[in-house]
Amino acid sequence: MDTEQLIGLHGRRILVVEDDYLIADEVAESLAEFGATVVGPANYVAEAIALVSQETCLDAAVLDINLGRETVFPVADALQQRGIPFVFATGYDQRIIPPRYAAVQRLEKPVDTRLLARLLFT
């Protein structure tokens, strides 16, 4: 994917939900480098759901599945209800993802921003 295809990230508001500070910072920095506005990062479910409900313009989200002692699936449900696209960014196997998310893409960590842009905005 060339830089022109990353224009799809420019001006987009993308929620990052990740409980590992270093990974969250890396994803946020990478998205910002390509012109996206990062919402969050949120590191737990309640915080992420609050951001989803408060944000009037949210274009997409990147969700880590395991947030300490909780899973991100309530956030995924909230995003689906609003029609906001998202991807799972995780080291977990596809088997851990409930069947209702069968159509949602899963990215291996570390997140490739170019692949993320293609999956969310093409």
PDB file of N, CA and C in Angstrom:
ATOM      1  N   MET A   1       0.859  -1.171   0.000  1.00  0.00           N
ATOM      2  CA  MET A   1       0.000   0.000   0.000  1.00  0.00           C
ATOM      3  C   MET A   1       0.899   1.226   0.000  1.00  0.00           C
ATOM      4  N   ASP A   2       0.592   2.167  -0.860  1.00  0.00           N
ATOM      5  CA  ASP A   2       1.411   3.356  -0.908  1.00  0.00           C
ATOM      6  C   ASP A   2       0.809   4.459  -0.031  1.00  0.00           C
ATOM      7  N   THR A   3       1.563   5.560   0.068  1.00  0.00           N
ATOM      8  CA  THR A   3       1.155   6.658   0.928  1.00  0.00           C
ATOM      9  C   THR A   3      -0.182   7.239   0.506  1.00  0.00           C
ATOM     10  N   GLU A   4      -0.470   7.264  -0.791  1.00  0.00           N
ATOM     11  CA  GLU A   4      -1.751   7.803  -1.250  1.00  0.00           C
ATOM     12  C   GLU A   4      -2.926   7.052  -0.639  1.00  0.00           C
ATOM     13  N   GLN A   5      -2.781   5.756  -0.472  1.00  0.00           N
ATOM     14  CA  GLN A   5      -3.861   4.974   0.107  1.00  0.00           C
ATOM     15  C   GLN A   5      -4.041   5.269   1.587  1.00  0.00           C
ATOM     16  N   LEU A   6      -3.019   5.798   2.247  1.00  0.00           N
ATOM     17  CA  LEU A   6      -3.131   6.150   3.664  1.00  0.00           C
ATOM     18  C   LEU A   6      -3.853   7.473   3.858  1.00  0.00           C
ATOM     19  N   ILE A   7      -4.128   8.179   2.756  1.00  0.00           N
ATOM     20  CA  ILE A   7      -4.905   9.408   2.861  1.00  0.00           C
ATOM     21  C   ILE A   7      -6.249   9.100   3.504  1.00  0.00           C
ATOM     22  N   GLY A   8      -6.714   7.869   3.385  1.00  0.00           N
ATOM     23  CA  GLY A   8      -7.963   7.457   4.015  1.00  0.00           C
ATOM     24  C   GLY A   8      -7.960   7.647   5.520  1.00  0.00           C
ATOM     25  N   LEU A   9      -6.798   7.753   6.132  1.00  0.00           N
ATOM     26  CA  LEU A   9      -6.717   7.991   7.573  1.00  0.00           C
ATOM     27  C   LEU A   9      -6.771   9.478   7.918  1.00  0.00           C
ATOM     28  N   HIS A  10      -6.429  10.332   6.973  1.00  0.00           N
ATOM     29  CA  HIS A  10      -6.358  11.768   7.247  1.00  0.00           C
ATOM     30  C   HIS A  10      -7.715  12.302   7.688  1.00  0.00           C
ATOM     31  N   GLY A  11      -7.726  12.915   8.867  1.00  0.00           N
ATOM     32  CA  GLY A  11      -8.947  13.519   9.397  1.00  0.00           C
ATOM     33  C   GLY A  11      -9.913  12.536  10.044  1.00  0.00           C
ATOM     34  N   ARG A  12      -9.608  11.263  10.019  1.00  0.00           N
ATOM     35  CA  ARG A  12     -10.487  10.268  10.642  1.00  0.00           C
ATOM     36  C   ARG A  12     -10.273  10.257  12.149  1.00  0.00           C
ATOM     37  N   ARG A  13     -11.364  10.059  12.879  1.00  0.00           N
ATOM     38  CA  ARG A  13     -11.316   9.950  14.341  1.00  0.00           C
ATOM     39  C   ARG A  13     -11.395   8.462  14.692  1.00  0.00           C
ATOM     40  N   ILE A  14     -10.299   7.968  15.270  1.00  0.00           N
ATOM     41  CA  ILE A  14     -10.182   6.537  15.533  1.00  0.00           C
ATOM     42  C   ILE A  14      -9.970   6.292  17.023  1.00  0.00           C
ATOM     43  N   LEU A  15     -10.861   5.503  17.584  1.00  0.00           N
ATOM     44  CA  LEU A  15     -10.769   5.111  18.989  1.00  0.00           C
ATOM     45  C   LEU A  15      -9.744   3.989  19.123  1.00  0.00           C
ATOM     46  N   VAL A  16      -8.856   4.133  20.083  1.00  0.00           N
ATOM     47  CA  VAL A  16      -7.886   3.088  20.400  1.00  0.00           C
ATOM     48  C   VAL A  16      -8.205   2.576  21.798  1.00  0.00           C
ATOM     49  N   VAL A  17      -8.439   1.263  21.897  1.00  0.00           N
ATOM     50  CA  VAL A  17      -8.716   0.629  23.183  1.00  0.00           C
ATOM     51  C   VAL A  17      -7.629  -0.421  23.403  1.00  0.00           C
ATOM     52  N   GLU A  18      -6.760  -0.133  24.342  1.00  0.00           N
ATOM     53  CA  GLU A  18      -5.582  -0.976  24.599  1.00  0.00           C
ATOM     54  C   GLU A  18      -5.115  -0.734  26.025  1.00  0.00           C
ATOM     55  N   ASP A  19      -4.901  -1.800  26.791  1.00  0.00           N
ATOM     56  CA  ASP A  19      -4.510  -1.631  28.189  1.00  0.00           C
ATOM     57  C   ASP A  19      -3.001  -1.571  28.404  1.00  0.00           C
ATOM     58  N   ASP A  20      -2.213  -1.896  27.422  1.00  0.00           N
ATOM     59  CA  ASP A  20      -0.762  -1.805  27.536  1.00  0.00           C
ATOM     60  C   ASP A  20      -0.332  -0.428  27.047  1.00  0.00           C
ATOM     61  N   TYR A  21       0.218   0.379  27.947  1.00  0.00           N
ATOM     62  CA  TYR A  21       0.543   1.769  27.623  1.00  0.00           C
ATOM     63  C   TYR A  21       1.467   1.873  26.404  1.00  0.00           C
ATOM     64  N   LEU A  22       2.501   1.052  26.357  1.00  0.00           N
ATOM     65  CA  LEU A  22       3.469   1.153  25.259  1.00  0.00           C
ATOM     66  C   LEU A  22       2.830   0.819  23.913  1.00  0.00           C
ATOM     67  N   ILE A  23       1.999  -0.209  23.892  1.00  0.00           N
ATOM     68  CA  ILE A  23       1.320  -0.579  22.646  1.00  0.00           C
ATOM     69  C   ILE A  23       0.315   0.504  22.253  1.00  0.00           C
ATOM     70  N   ALA A  24      -0.452   0.991  23.228  1.00  0.00           N
ATOM     71  CA  ALA A  24      -1.421   2.051  22.947  1.00  0.00           C
ATOM     72  C   ALA A  24      -0.726   3.280  22.380  1.00  0.00           C
ATOM     73  N   ASP A  25       0.388   3.648  22.971  1.00  0.00           N
ATOM     74  CA  ASP A  25       1.142   4.810  22.516  1.00  0.00           C
ATOM     75  C   ASP A  25       1.677   4.592  21.101  1.00  0.00           C
ATOM     76  N   GLU A  26       2.170   3.394  20.823  1.00  0.00           N
ATOM     77  CA  GLU A  26       2.693   3.083  19.495  1.00  0.00           C
ATOM     78  C   GLU A  26       1.595   3.157  18.430  1.00  0.00           C
ATOM     79  N   VAL A  27       0.426   2.573  18.727  1.00  0.00           N
ATOM     80  CA  VAL A  27      -0.684   2.605  17.775  1.00  0.00           C
ATOM     81  C   VAL A  27      -1.154   4.044  17.564  1.00  0.00           C
ATOM     82  N   ALA A  28      -1.320   4.780  18.657  1.00  0.00           N
ATOM     83  CA  ALA A  28      -1.782   6.168  18.569  1.00  0.00           C
ATOM     84  C   ALA A  28      -0.808   7.021  17.764  1.00  0.00           C
ATOM     85  N   GLU A  29       0.472   6.856  18.034  1.00  0.00           N
ATOM     86  CA  GLU A  29       1.489   7.640  17.319  1.00  0.00           C
ATOM     87  C   GLU A  29       1.491   7.305  15.828  1.00  0.00           C
ATOM     88  N   SER A  30       1.359   6.034  15.517  1.00  0.00           N
ATOM     89  CA  SER A  30       1.345   5.602  14.126  1.00  0.00           C
ATOM     90  C   SER A  30       0.131   6.150  13.387  1.00  0.00           C
ATOM     91  N   LEU A  31      -1.033   6.105  14.021  1.00  0.00           N
ATOM     92  CA  LEU A  31      -2.252   6.645  13.401  1.00  0.00           C
ATOM     93  C   LEU A  31      -2.138   8.152  13.202  1.00  0.00           C
ATOM     94  N   ALA A  32      -1.624   8.841  14.211  1.00  0.00           N
ATOM     95  CA  ALA A  32      -1.467  10.293  14.120  1.00  0.00           C
ATOM     96  C   ALA A  32      -0.478  10.674  13.020  1.00  0.00           C
ATOM     97  N   GLU A  33       0.551   9.859  12.851  1.00  0.00           N
ATOM     98  CA  GLU A  33       1.554  10.111  11.807  1.00  0.00           C
ATOM     99  C   GLU A  33       0.909  10.161  10.424  1.00  0.00           C
ATOM    100  N   PHE A  34      -0.165   9.402  10.232  1.00  0.00           N
ATOM    101  CA  PHE A  34      -0.850   9.375   8.950  1.00  0.00           C
ATOM    102  C   PHE A  34      -2.091  10.267   8.932  1.00  0.00           C
ATOM    103  N   GLY A  35      -2.187  11.182   9.892  1.00  0.00           N
ATOM    104  CA  GLY A  35      -3.220  12.198   9.857  1.00  0.00           C
ATOM    105  C   GLY A  35      -4.500  11.899  10.592  1.00  0.00           C
ATOM    106  N   ALA A  36      -4.581  10.765  11.269  1.00  0.00           N
ATOM    107  CA  ALA A  36      -5.792  10.451  12.037  1.00  0.00           C
ATOM    108  C   ALA A  36      -5.778  11.185  13.369  1.00  0.00           C
ATOM    109  N   THR A  37      -6.957  11.429  13.889  1.00  0.00           N
ATOM    110  CA  THR A  37      -7.101  11.957  15.234  1.00  0.00           C
ATOM    111  C   THR A  37      -7.436  10.778  16.132  1.00  0.00           C
ATOM    112  N   VAL A  38      -6.627  10.563  17.145  1.00  0.00           N
ATOM    113  CA  VAL A  38      -6.816   9.428  18.036  1.00  0.00           C
ATOM    114  C   VAL A  38      -7.731   9.826  19.176  1.00  0.00           C
ATOM    115  N   VAL A  39      -8.755   9.003  19.386  1.00  0.00           N
ATOM    116  CA  VAL A  39      -9.659   9.159  20.529  1.00  0.00           C
ATOM    117  C   VAL A  39      -9.203   8.133  21.552  1.00  0.00           C
ATOM    118  N   GLY A  40      -8.946   8.585  22.761  1.00  0.00           N
ATOM    119  CA  GLY A  40      -8.378   7.716  23.782  1.00  0.00           C
ATOM    120  C   GLY A  40      -6.873   7.936  23.818  1.00  0.00           C
ATOM    121  N   PRO A  41      -6.133   6.905  24.030  1.00  0.00           N
ATOM    122  CA  PRO A  41      -6.530   5.518  24.183  1.00  0.00           C
ATOM    123  C   PRO A  41      -7.264   5.266  25.504  1.00  0.00           C
ATOM    124  N   ALA A  42      -8.194   4.335  25.435  1.00  0.00           N
ATOM    125  CA  ALA A  42      -8.911   3.870  26.624  1.00  0.00           C
ATOM    126  C   ALA A  42      -8.281   2.549  27.028  1.00  0.00           C
ATOM    127  N   ASN A  43      -8.152   2.344  28.354  1.00  0.00           N
ATOM    128  CA  ASN A  43      -7.515   1.103  28.776  1.00  0.00           C
ATOM    129  C   ASN A  43      -8.432   0.165  29.554  1.00  0.00           C
ATOM    130  N   TYR A  44      -9.711   0.520  29.636  1.00  0.00           N
ATOM    131  CA  TYR A  44     -10.673  -0.402  30.223  1.00  0.00           C
ATOM    132  C   TYR A  44     -12.044  -0.176  29.597  1.00  0.00           C
ATOM    133  N   VAL A  45     -12.936  -1.147  29.767  1.00  0.00           N
ATOM    134  CA  VAL A  45     -14.217  -1.171  29.066  1.00  0.00           C
ATOM    135  C   VAL A  45     -15.080   0.045  29.371  1.00  0.00           C
ATOM    136  N   ALA A  46     -15.258   0.384  30.626  1.00  0.00           N
ATOM    137  CA  ALA A  46     -16.134   1.509  30.977  1.00  0.00           C
ATOM    138  C   ALA A  46     -15.665   2.810  30.347  1.00  0.00           C
ATOM    139  N   GLU A  47     -14.374   3.035  30.351  1.00  0.00           N
ATOM    140  CA  GLU A  47     -13.818   4.245  29.732  1.00  0.00           C
ATOM    141  C   GLU A  47     -14.083   4.247  28.228  1.00  0.00           C
ATOM    142  N   ALA A  48     -13.885   3.111  27.585  1.00  0.00           N
ATOM    143  CA  ALA A  48     -14.096   3.016  26.139  1.00  0.00           C
ATOM    144  C   ALA A  48     -15.562   3.210  25.776  1.00  0.00           C
ATOM    145  N   ILE A  49     -16.458   2.606  26.533  1.00  0.00           N
ATOM    146  CA  ILE A  49     -17.893   2.770  26.263  1.00  0.00           C
ATOM    147  C   ILE A  49     -18.310   4.222  26.462  1.00  0.00           C
ATOM    148  N   ALA A  50     -17.748   4.876  27.456  1.00  0.00           N
ATOM    149  CA  ALA A  50     -18.039   6.302  27.667  1.00  0.00           C
ATOM    150  C   ALA A  50     -17.588   7.116  26.457  1.00  0.00           C
ATOM    151  N   LEU A  51     -16.421   6.819  25.927  1.00  0.00           N
ATOM    152  CA  LEU A  51     -15.943   7.540  24.741  1.00  0.00           C
ATOM    153  C   LEU A  51     -16.834   7.270  23.536  1.00  0.00           C
ATOM    154  N   VAL A  52     -17.245   6.025  23.356  1.00  0.00           N
ATOM    155  CA  VAL A  52     -18.131   5.688  22.232  1.00  0.00           C
ATOM    156  C   VAL A  52     -19.434   6.465  22.339  1.00  0.00           C
ATOM    157  N   SER A  53     -19.987   6.552  23.535  1.00  0.00           N
ATOM    158  CA  SER A  53     -21.277   7.230  23.698  1.00  0.00           C
ATOM    159  C   SER A  53     -21.149   8.757  23.639  1.00  0.00           C
ATOM    160  N   GLN A  54     -20.001   9.294  24.028  1.00  0.00           N
ATOM    161  CA  GLN A  54     -19.809  10.747  24.052  1.00  0.00           C
ATOM    162  C   GLN A  54     -19.388  11.322  22.707  1.00  0.00           C
ATOM    163  N   GLU A  55     -18.677  10.556  21.926  1.00  0.00           N
ATOM    164  CA  GLU A  55     -18.147  11.049  20.657  1.00  0.00           C
ATOM    165  C   GLU A  55     -19.262  11.144  19.615  1.00  0.00           C
ATOM    166  N   THR A  56     -19.430  12.316  19.055  1.00  0.00           N
ATOM    167  CA  THR A  56     -20.447  12.482  18.017  1.00  0.00           C
ATOM    168  C   THR A  56     -19.920  12.063  16.648  1.00  0.00           C
ATOM    169  N   CYS A  57     -18.607  12.080  16.486  1.00  0.00           N
ATOM    170  CA  CYS A  57     -18.010  11.698  15.210  1.00  0.00           C
ATOM    171  C   CYS A  57     -16.853  10.741  15.490  1.00  0.00           C
ATOM    172  N   LEU A  58     -17.140   9.470  15.336  1.00  0.00           N
ATOM    173  CA  LEU A  58     -16.135   8.439  15.516  1.00  0.00           C
ATOM    174  C   LEU A  58     -16.146   7.599  14.250  1.00  0.00           C
ATOM    175  N   ASP A  59     -15.011   7.524  13.571  1.00  0.00           N
ATOM    176  CA  ASP A  59     -14.961   6.856  12.278  1.00  0.00           C
ATOM    177  C   ASP A  59     -14.614   5.376  12.344  1.00  0.00           C
ATOM    178  N   ALA A  60     -13.868   4.974  13.368  1.00  0.00           N
ATOM    179  CA  ALA A  60     -13.438   3.582  13.467  1.00  0.00           C
ATOM    180  C   ALA A  60     -12.798   3.360  14.827  1.00  0.00           C
ATOM    181  N   ALA A  61     -12.451   2.087  15.092  1.00  0.00           N
ATOM    182  CA  ALA A  61     -11.794   1.757  16.358  1.00  0.00           C
ATOM    183  C   ALA A  61     -10.848   0.580  16.171  1.00  0.00           C
ATOM    184  N   VAL A  62      -9.831   0.567  17.017  1.00  0.00           N
ATOM    185  CA  VAL A  62      -8.884  -0.533  17.114  1.00  0.00           C
ATOM    186  C   VAL A  62      -9.018  -1.067  18.537  1.00  0.00           C
ATOM    187  N   LEU A  63      -9.383  -2.336  18.667  1.00  0.00           N
ATOM    188  CA  LEU A  63      -9.697  -2.906  19.977  1.00  0.00           C
ATOM    189  C   LEU A  63      -8.767  -4.056  20.337  1.00  0.00           C
ATOM    190  N   ASP A  64      -8.101  -3.935  21.466  1.00  0.00           N
ATOM    191  CA  ASP A  64      -7.397  -5.067  22.058  1.00  0.00           C
ATOM    192  C   ASP A  64      -8.469  -5.930  22.728  1.00  0.00           C
ATOM    193  N   ILE A  65      -8.385  -7.231  22.599  1.00  0.00           N
ATOM    194  CA  ILE A  65      -9.425  -8.097  23.155  1.00  0.00           C
ATOM    195  C   ILE A  65      -9.336  -8.204  24.670  1.00  0.00           C
ATOM    196  N   ASN A  66      -8.149  -8.400  25.192  1.00  0.00           N
ATOM    197  CA  ASN A  66      -7.982  -8.605  26.624  1.00  0.00           C
ATOM    198  C   ASN A  66      -7.540  -7.314  27.288  1.00  0.00           C
ATOM    199  N   LEU A  67      -8.409  -6.783  28.122  1.00  0.00           N
ATOM    200  CA  LEU A  67      -8.100  -5.554  28.860  1.00  0.00           C
ATOM    201  C   LEU A  67      -7.968  -5.902  30.343  1.00  0.00           C
ATOM    202  N   GLY A  68      -6.866  -6.484  30.689  1.00  0.00           N
ATOM    203  CA  GLY A  68      -6.659  -6.908  32.070  1.00  0.00           C
ATOM    204  C   GLY A  68      -7.593  -8.039  32.438  1.00  0.00           C
ATOM    205  N   ARG A  69      -8.532  -7.759  33.319  1.00  0.00           N
ATOM    206  CA  ARG A  69      -9.475  -8.782  33.780  1.00  0.00           C
ATOM    207  C   ARG A  69     -10.796  -8.763  33.030  1.00  0.00           C
ATOM    208  N   GLU A  70     -10.889  -7.990  31.991  1.00  0.00           N
ATOM    209  CA  GLU A  70     -12.127  -7.924  31.215  1.00  0.00           C
ATOM    210  C   GLU A  70     -11.830  -8.015  29.726  1.00  0.00           C
ATOM    211  N   THR A  71     -12.859  -8.368  28.967  1.00  0.00           N
ATOM    212  CA  THR A  71     -12.702  -8.421  27.514  1.00  0.00           C
ATOM    213  C   THR A  71     -13.393  -7.205  26.901  1.00  0.00           C
ATOM    214  N   VAL A  72     -13.012  -6.882  25.710  1.00  0.00           N
ATOM    215  CA  VAL A  72     -13.465  -5.683  25.018  1.00  0.00           C
ATOM    216  C   VAL A  72     -14.821  -5.858  24.333  1.00  0.00           C
ATOM    217  N   PHE A  73     -15.421  -7.025  24.407  1.00  0.00           N
ATOM    218  CA  PHE A  73     -16.624  -7.294  23.630  1.00  0.00           C
ATOM    219  C   PHE A  73     -17.802  -6.346  23.908  1.00  0.00           C
ATOM    220  N   PRO A  74     -18.020  -5.848  25.135  1.00  0.00           N
ATOM    221  CA  PRO A  74     -19.087  -4.837  25.304  1.00  0.00           C
ATOM    222  C   PRO A  74     -18.827  -3.565  24.485  1.00  0.00           C
ATOM    223  N   VAL A  75     -17.572  -3.216  24.317  1.00  0.00           N
ATOM    224  CA  VAL A  75     -17.222  -2.050  23.490  1.00  0.00           C
ATOM    225  C   VAL A  75     -17.524  -2.359  22.028  1.00  0.00           C
ATOM    226  N   ALA A  76     -17.172  -3.551  21.599  1.00  0.00           N
ATOM    227  CA  ALA A  76     -17.471  -3.971  20.225  1.00  0.00           C
ATOM    228  C   ALA A  76     -18.973  -3.929  19.969  1.00  0.00           C
ATOM    229  N   ASP A  77     -19.765  -4.365  20.938  1.00  0.00           N
ATOM    230  CA  ASP A  77     -21.224  -4.319  20.802  1.00  0.00           C
ATOM    231  C   ASP A  77     -21.711  -2.876  20.638  1.00  0.00           C
ATOM    232  N   ALA A  78     -21.160  -1.965  21.445  1.00  0.00           N
ATOM    233  CA  ALA A  78     -21.553  -0.552  21.370  1.00  0.00           C
ATOM    234  C   ALA A  78     -21.187   0.040  20.009  1.00  0.00           C
ATOM    235  N   LEU A  79     -20.019  -0.332  19.502  1.00  0.00           N
ATOM    236  CA  LEU A  79     -19.605   0.154  18.185  1.00  0.00           C
ATOM    237  C   LEU A  79     -20.509  -0.403  17.092  1.00  0.00           C
ATOM    238  N   GLN A  80     -20.831  -1.679  17.168  1.00  0.00           N
ATOM    239  CA  GLN A  80     -21.723  -2.277  16.171  1.00  0.00           C
ATOM    240  C   GLN A  80     -23.088  -1.596  16.183  1.00  0.00           C
ATOM    241  N   GLN A  81     -23.604  -1.290  17.354  1.00  0.00           N
ATOM    242  CA  GLN A  81     -24.912  -0.626  17.451  1.00  0.00           C
ATOM    243  C   GLN A  81     -24.898   0.727  16.766  1.00  0.00           C
ATOM    244  N   ARG A  82     -23.765   1.395  16.768  1.00  0.00           N
ATOM    245  CA  ARG A  82     -23.651   2.704  16.116  1.00  0.00           C
ATOM    246  C   ARG A  82     -23.178   2.605  14.675  1.00  0.00           C
ATOM    247  N   GLY A  83     -22.876   1.396  14.210  1.00  0.00           N
ATOM    248  CA  GLY A  83     -22.419   1.221  12.835  1.00  0.00           C
ATOM    249  C   GLY A  83     -21.003   1.697  12.593  1.00  0.00           C
ATOM    250  N   ILE A  84     -20.187   1.683  13.630  1.00  0.00           N
ATOM    251  CA  ILE A  84     -18.805   2.144  13.530  1.00  0.00           C
ATOM    252  C   ILE A  84     -17.899   0.935  13.286  1.00  0.00           C
ATOM    253  N   PRO A  85     -17.122   0.956  12.203  1.00  0.00           N
ATOM    254  CA  PRO A  85     -16.242  -0.181  11.916  1.00  0.00           C
ATOM    255  C   PRO A  85     -15.101  -0.277  12.931  1.00  0.00           C
ATOM    256  N   PHE A  86     -14.648  -1.493  13.166  1.00  0.00           N
ATOM    257  CA  PHE A  86     -13.533  -1.710  14.078  1.00  0.00           C
ATOM    258  C   PHE A  86     -12.798  -2.970  13.691  1.00  0.00           C
ATOM    259  N   VAL A  87     -11.584  -3.083  14.216  1.00  0.00           N
ATOM    260  CA  VAL A  87     -10.786  -4.294  14.078  1.00  0.00           C
ATOM    261  C   VAL A  87     -10.317  -4.694  15.467  1.00  0.00           C
ATOM    262  N   PHE A  88     -10.064  -5.987  15.622  1.00  0.00           N
ATOM    263  CA  PHE A  88      -9.443  -6.477  16.843  1.00  0.00           C
ATOM    264  C   PHE A  88      -7.939  -6.524  16.609  1.00  0.00           C
ATOM    265  N   ALA A  89      -7.176  -5.983  17.545  1.00  0.00           N
ATOM    266  CA  ALA A  89      -5.719  -6.055  17.505  1.00  0.00           C
ATOM    267  C   ALA A  89      -5.299  -6.892  18.704  1.00  0.00           C
ATOM    268  N   THR A  90      -4.797  -8.073  18.447  1.00  0.00           N
ATOM    269  CA  THR A  90      -4.567  -8.998  19.546  1.00  0.00           C
ATOM    270  C   THR A  90      -3.526 -10.043  19.197  1.00  0.00           C
ATOM    271  N   GLY A  91      -3.043 -10.683  20.204  1.00  0.00           N
ATOM    272  CA  GLY A  91      -2.181 -11.839  20.013  1.00  0.00           C
ATOM    273  C   GLY A  91      -2.963 -13.130  20.117  1.00  0.00           C
ATOM    274  N   TYR A  92      -4.246 -13.004  20.467  1.00  0.00           N
ATOM    275  CA  TYR A  92      -5.096 -14.181  20.633  1.00  0.00           C
ATOM    276  C   TYR A  92      -5.501 -14.779  19.296  1.00  0.00           C
ATOM    277  N   ASP A  93      -5.768 -16.044  19.312  1.00  0.00           N
ATOM    278  CA  ASP A  93      -6.240 -16.788  18.158  1.00  0.00           C
ATOM    279  C   ASP A  93      -7.684 -16.401  17.845  1.00  0.00           C
ATOM    280  N   GLN A  94      -8.091 -16.598  16.626  1.00  0.00           N
ATOM    281  CA  GLN A  94      -9.454 -16.297  16.172  1.00  0.00           C
ATOM    282  C   GLN A  94     -10.514 -17.020  17.012  1.00  0.00           C
ATOM    283  N   ARG A  95     -10.158 -18.181  17.573  1.00  0.00           N
ATOM    284  CA  ARG A  95     -11.129 -18.980  18.335  1.00  0.00           C
ATOM    285  C   ARG A  95     -11.679 -18.269  19.558  1.00  0.00           C
ATOM    286  N   ILE A  96     -10.964 -17.295  20.100  1.00  0.00           N
ATOM    287  CA  ILE A  96     -11.435 -16.595  21.294  1.00  0.00           C
ATOM    288  C   ILE A  96     -12.524 -15.568  20.967  1.00  0.00           C
ATOM    289  N   ILE A  97     -12.649 -15.236  19.693  1.00  0.00           N
ATOM    290  CA  ILE A  97     -13.603 -14.216  19.277  1.00  0.00           C
ATOM    291  C   ILE A  97     -14.977 -14.856  19.081  1.00  0.00           C
ATOM    292  N   PRO A  98     -16.011 -14.312  19.750  1.00  0.00           N
ATOM    293  CA  PRO A  98     -17.361 -14.876  19.619  1.00  0.00           C
ATOM    294  C   PRO A  98     -17.848 -14.854  18.158  1.00  0.00           C
ATOM    295  N   PRO A  99     -18.686 -15.825  17.807  1.00  0.00           N
ATOM    296  CA  PRO A  99     -19.183 -15.935  16.427  1.00  0.00           C
ATOM    297  C   PRO A  99     -19.868 -14.669  15.904  1.00  0.00           C
ATOM    298  N   ARG A 100     -20.459 -13.870  16.786  1.00  0.00           N
ATOM    299  CA  ARG A 100     -21.145 -12.658  16.312  1.00  0.00           C
ATOM    300  C   ARG A 100     -20.188 -11.651  15.675  1.00  0.00           C
ATOM    301  N   TYR A 101     -18.889 -11.861  15.869  1.00  0.00           N
ATOM    302  CA  TYR A 101     -17.882 -10.983  15.270  1.00  0.00           C
ATOM    303  C   TYR A 101     -17.121 -11.682  14.151  1.00  0.00           C
ATOM    304  N   ALA A 102     -17.722 -12.671  13.555  1.00  0.00           N
ATOM    305  CA  ALA A 102     -17.048 -13.457  12.515  1.00  0.00           C
ATOM    306  C   ALA A 102     -16.560 -12.588  11.358  1.00  0.00           C
ATOM    307  N   ALA A 103     -17.265 -11.521  11.056  1.00  0.00           N
ATOM    308  CA  ALA A 103     -16.891 -10.661   9.926  1.00  0.00           C
ATOM    309  C   ALA A 103     -15.862  -9.593  10.293  1.00  0.00           C
ATOM    310  N   VAL A 104     -15.525  -9.476  11.569  1.00  0.00           N
ATOM    311  CA  VAL A 104     -14.576  -8.452  12.022  1.00  0.00           C
ATOM    312  C   VAL A 104     -13.156  -8.959  11.820  1.00  0.00           C
ATOM    313  N   GLN A 105     -12.342  -8.117  11.234  1.00  0.00           N
ATOM    314  CA  GLN A 105     -10.947  -8.467  10.982  1.00  0.00           C
ATOM    315  C   GLN A 105     -10.157  -8.506  12.295  1.00  0.00           C
ATOM    316  N   ARG A 106      -9.167  -9.375  12.339  1.00  0.00           N
ATOM    317  CA  ARG A 106      -8.269  -9.509  13.487  1.00  0.00           C
ATOM    318  C   ARG A 106      -6.852  -9.248  13.007  1.00  0.00           C
ATOM    319  N   LEU A 107      -6.200  -8.276  13.625  1.00  0.00           N
ATOM    320  CA  LEU A 107      -4.804  -7.964  13.309  1.00  0.00           C
ATOM    321  C   LEU A 107      -3.902  -8.499  14.412  1.00  0.00           C
ATOM    322  N   GLU A 108      -2.777  -9.034  14.008  1.00  0.00           N
ATOM    323  CA  GLU A 108      -1.767  -9.459  14.974  1.00  0.00           C
ATOM    324  C   GLU A 108      -1.012  -8.225  15.465  1.00  0.00           C
ATOM    325  N   LYS A 109      -0.644  -8.237  16.733  1.00  0.00           N
ATOM    326  CA  LYS A 109       0.218  -7.178  17.247  1.00  0.00           C
ATOM    327  C   LYS A 109       1.653  -7.494  16.874  1.00  0.00           C
ATOM    328  N   PRO A 110       2.481  -6.515  16.585  1.00  0.00           N
ATOM    329  CA  PRO A 110       2.185  -5.090  16.553  1.00  0.00           C
ATOM    330  C   PRO A 110       1.327  -4.736  15.332  1.00  0.00           C
ATOM    331  N   VAL A 111       0.482  -3.730  15.497  1.00  0.00           N
ATOM    332  CA  VAL A 111      -0.472  -3.335  14.462  1.00  0.00           C
ATOM    333  C   VAL A 111       0.255  -2.652  13.307  1.00  0.00           C
ATOM    334  N   ASP A 112      -0.030  -3.115  12.114  1.00  0.00           N
ATOM    335  CA  ASP A 112       0.480  -2.510  10.888  1.00  0.00           C
ATOM    336  C   ASP A 112      -0.527  -1.437  10.461  1.00  0.00           C
ATOM    337  N   THR A 113      -0.162  -0.180  10.585  1.00  0.00           N
ATOM    338  CA  THR A 113      -1.081   0.924  10.294  1.00  0.00           C
ATOM    339  C   THR A 113      -1.551   0.906   8.852  1.00  0.00           C
ATOM    340  N   ARG A 114      -0.703   0.509   7.952  1.00  0.00           N
ATOM    341  CA  ARG A 114      -1.085   0.455   6.533  1.00  0.00           C
ATOM    342  C   ARG A 114      -2.181  -0.586   6.319  1.00  0.00           C
ATOM    343  N   LEU A 115      -2.022  -1.742   6.939  1.00  0.00           N
ATOM    344  CA  LEU A 115      -3.045  -2.780   6.846  1.00  0.00           C
ATOM    345  C   LEU A 115      -4.319  -2.335   7.538  1.00  0.00           C
ATOM    346  N   LEU A 116      -4.185  -1.692   8.681  1.00  0.00           N
ATOM    347  CA  LEU A 116      -5.340  -1.172   9.409  1.00  0.00           C
ATOM    348  C   LEU A 116      -6.137  -0.212   8.535  1.00  0.00           C
ATOM    349  N   ALA A 117      -5.464   0.703   7.865  1.00  0.00           N
ATOM    350  CA  ALA A 117      -6.142   1.666   6.991  1.00  0.00           C
ATOM    351  C   ALA A 117      -6.898   0.947   5.881  1.00  0.00           C
ATOM    352  N   ARG A 118      -6.247  -0.044   5.293  1.00  0.00           N
ATOM    353  CA  ARG A 118      -6.890  -0.781   4.205  1.00  0.00           C
ATOM    354  C   ARG A 118      -8.135  -1.538   4.707  1.00  0.00           C
ATOM    355  N   LEU A 119      -8.041  -2.166   5.863  1.00  0.00           N
ATOM    356  CA  LEU A 119      -9.164  -2.941   6.387  1.00  0.00           C
ATOM    357  C   LEU A 119     -10.345  -2.060   6.785  1.00  0.00           C
ATOM    358  N   LEU A 120     -10.074  -0.903   7.323  1.00  0.00           N
ATOM    359  CA  LEU A 120     -11.140  -0.039   7.817  1.00  0.00           C
ATOM    360  C   LEU A 120     -11.742   0.866   6.758  1.00  0.00           C
ATOM    361  N   PHE A 121     -10.957   1.324   5.796  1.00  0.00           N
ATOM    362  CA  PHE A 121     -11.418   2.395   4.927  1.00  0.00           C
ATOM    363  C   PHE A 121     -11.315   2.106   3.434  1.00  0.00           C
ATOM    364  N   THR A 122     -11.312   0.858   3.037  1.00  0.00           N
ATOM    365  CA  THR A 122     -11.351   0.555   1.600  1.00  0.00           C
ATOM    366  C   THR A 122     -12.450  -0.435   1.327  1.00  0.00           C
TER     367      THR A 122
END
